[in-house]
Amino acid sequence: MSLKNMALIYRDQKKFPQALEMLEEATAMTSRSLGPDHHNTGASHFSVAKTKMMMFDMAGALESAKEAVRVFDVDGYDTAVSDQARALLTQLNLLMRIGR
């Protein structure tokens, strides 16, 4: 089982701090092995963003979502995951504007 998959299990169990730590490590490993602009790195940033949002860290989630979308734009990756990242980025921008 991959580190990212283990982290997602923790996230499903609402063990957010453990999940976030593992996801950030998985993101760093993916970035080192595939490159910072690879779509798998973008997907990892998206997972980090979703986890931070679940932890009510909206500023951190916004930063991670922006990076995910940046990577998808550079890579040209256009799938359901990239669409979900863009939707999350829009939601977070709106939440930050209204002060949540």
Protein backbone atom coordinates (compact mmCIF):
# COMPACT_ATOMS: atom_id res chain seq x y z
CA MET A 1 0.00 0.00 0.00
CA SER A 2 1.34 3.42 -0.91
CA LEU A 3 1.99 6.17 1.62
CA LYS A 4 -0.70 8.30 -0.04
CA ASN A 5 -3.27 5.51 0.19
CA MET A 6 -2.47 4.99 3.86
CA ALA A 7 -2.88 8.73 4.41
CA LEU A 8 -6.28 8.69 2.72
CA ILE A 9 -7.38 5.91 5.06
CA TYR A 10 -6.33 8.07 8.01
CA ARG A 11 -8.24 10.98 6.51
CA ASP A 12 -11.36 8.83 6.10
CA GLN A 13 -10.99 7.94 9.80
CA LYS A 14 -10.80 11.68 10.58
CA LYS A 15 -7.22 11.34 11.83
CA PHE A 16 -6.34 14.54 10.04
CA PRO A 17 -2.95 15.41 11.56
CA GLN A 18 -1.55 11.96 10.74
CA ALA A 19 -3.09 12.04 7.28
CA LEU A 20 -1.70 15.49 6.53
CA GLU A 21 1.82 14.54 7.62
CA MET A 22 1.77 11.47 5.39
CA LEU A 23 0.26 13.35 2.45
CA GLU A 24 2.87 16.09 2.66
CA GLU A 25 5.62 13.47 2.72
CA ALA A 26 4.03 11.64 -0.23
CA THR A 27 3.79 14.93 -2.14
CA ALA A 28 7.47 15.65 -1.54
CA MET A 29 8.43 12.14 -2.66
CA THR A 30 6.31 12.41 -5.81
CA SER A 31 7.78 15.81 -6.62
CA ARG A 32 11.32 14.48 -6.21
CA SER A 33 10.73 11.34 -8.28
CA LEU A 34 8.45 12.64 -11.06
CA GLY A 35 9.11 16.36 -10.92
CA PRO A 36 7.25 19.33 -9.43
CA ASP A 37 5.15 19.86 -12.57
CA HIS A 38 3.96 16.26 -13.05
CA HIS A 39 0.22 15.66 -12.82
CA ASN A 40 0.72 13.10 -10.03
CA THR A 41 2.39 15.84 -7.99
CA GLY A 42 -0.62 18.04 -8.71
CA ALA A 43 -2.96 15.28 -7.53
CA SER A 44 -0.93 15.02 -4.32
CA HIS A 45 -1.22 18.77 -3.74
CA PHE A 46 -4.97 18.43 -4.27
CA SER A 47 -5.16 15.72 -1.59
CA VAL A 48 -3.24 17.98 0.79
CA ALA A 49 -5.64 20.84 0.01
CA LYS A 50 -8.70 18.72 0.73
CA THR A 51 -7.22 17.52 4.01
CA LYS A 52 -6.32 21.04 5.13
CA MET A 53 -9.85 22.16 4.31
CA MET A 54 -11.24 19.33 6.45
CA MET A 55 -9.00 20.64 9.25
CA PHE A 56 -10.47 24.15 8.74
CA ASP A 57 -7.07 25.47 7.61
CA MET A 58 -8.55 27.47 4.75
CA ALA A 59 -5.41 29.52 4.06
CA GLY A 60 -3.30 26.37 3.87
CA ALA A 61 -5.90 24.63 1.73
CA LEU A 62 -5.99 27.61 -0.63
CA GLU A 63 -2.20 27.54 -1.01
CA SER A 64 -2.20 23.81 -1.78
CA ALA A 65 -5.15 24.08 -4.18
CA LYS A 66 -3.41 26.90 -6.06
CA GLU A 67 -0.32 24.73 -6.42
CA ALA A 68 -2.39 21.77 -7.63
CA VAL A 69 -4.10 23.88 -10.29
CA ARG A 70 -0.76 25.45 -11.31
CA VAL A 71 0.72 21.99 -11.82
CA PHE A 72 -2.29 20.78 -13.81
CA ASP A 73 -2.10 23.90 -16.01
CA VAL A 74 1.64 23.43 -16.67
CA ASP A 75 1.27 19.68 -17.29
CA GLY A 76 -1.83 20.13 -19.46
CA TYR A 77 -3.61 17.50 -17.37
CA ASP A 78 -7.35 17.86 -17.80
CA THR A 79 -9.43 15.19 -16.06
CA ALA A 80 -11.98 14.92 -13.28
CA VAL A 81 -9.20 15.42 -10.71
CA SER A 82 -8.01 18.67 -12.28
CA ASP A 83 -11.63 19.84 -12.54
CA GLN A 84 -12.18 19.02 -8.86
CA ALA A 85 -9.03 20.94 -7.94
CA ARG A 86 -10.27 23.98 -9.86
CA ALA A 87 -13.68 23.74 -8.17
CA LEU A 88 -12.04 23.49 -4.74
CA LEU A 89 -9.87 26.51 -5.54
CA THR A 90 -12.99 28.50 -6.47
CA GLN A 91 -14.74 27.45 -3.24
CA LEU A 92 -11.73 28.37 -1.12
CA ASN A 93 -11.34 31.75 -2.80
CA LEU A 94 -14.99 32.50 -2.04
CA LEU A 95 -14.68 31.33 1.58
CA MET A 96 -11.59 33.48 2.09
CA ARG A 97 -13.41 36.51 0.65
CA ILE A 98 -16.28 36.16 3.08
CA GLY A 99 -13.91 35.59 5.97
CA ARG A 100 -14.40 31.93 6.81
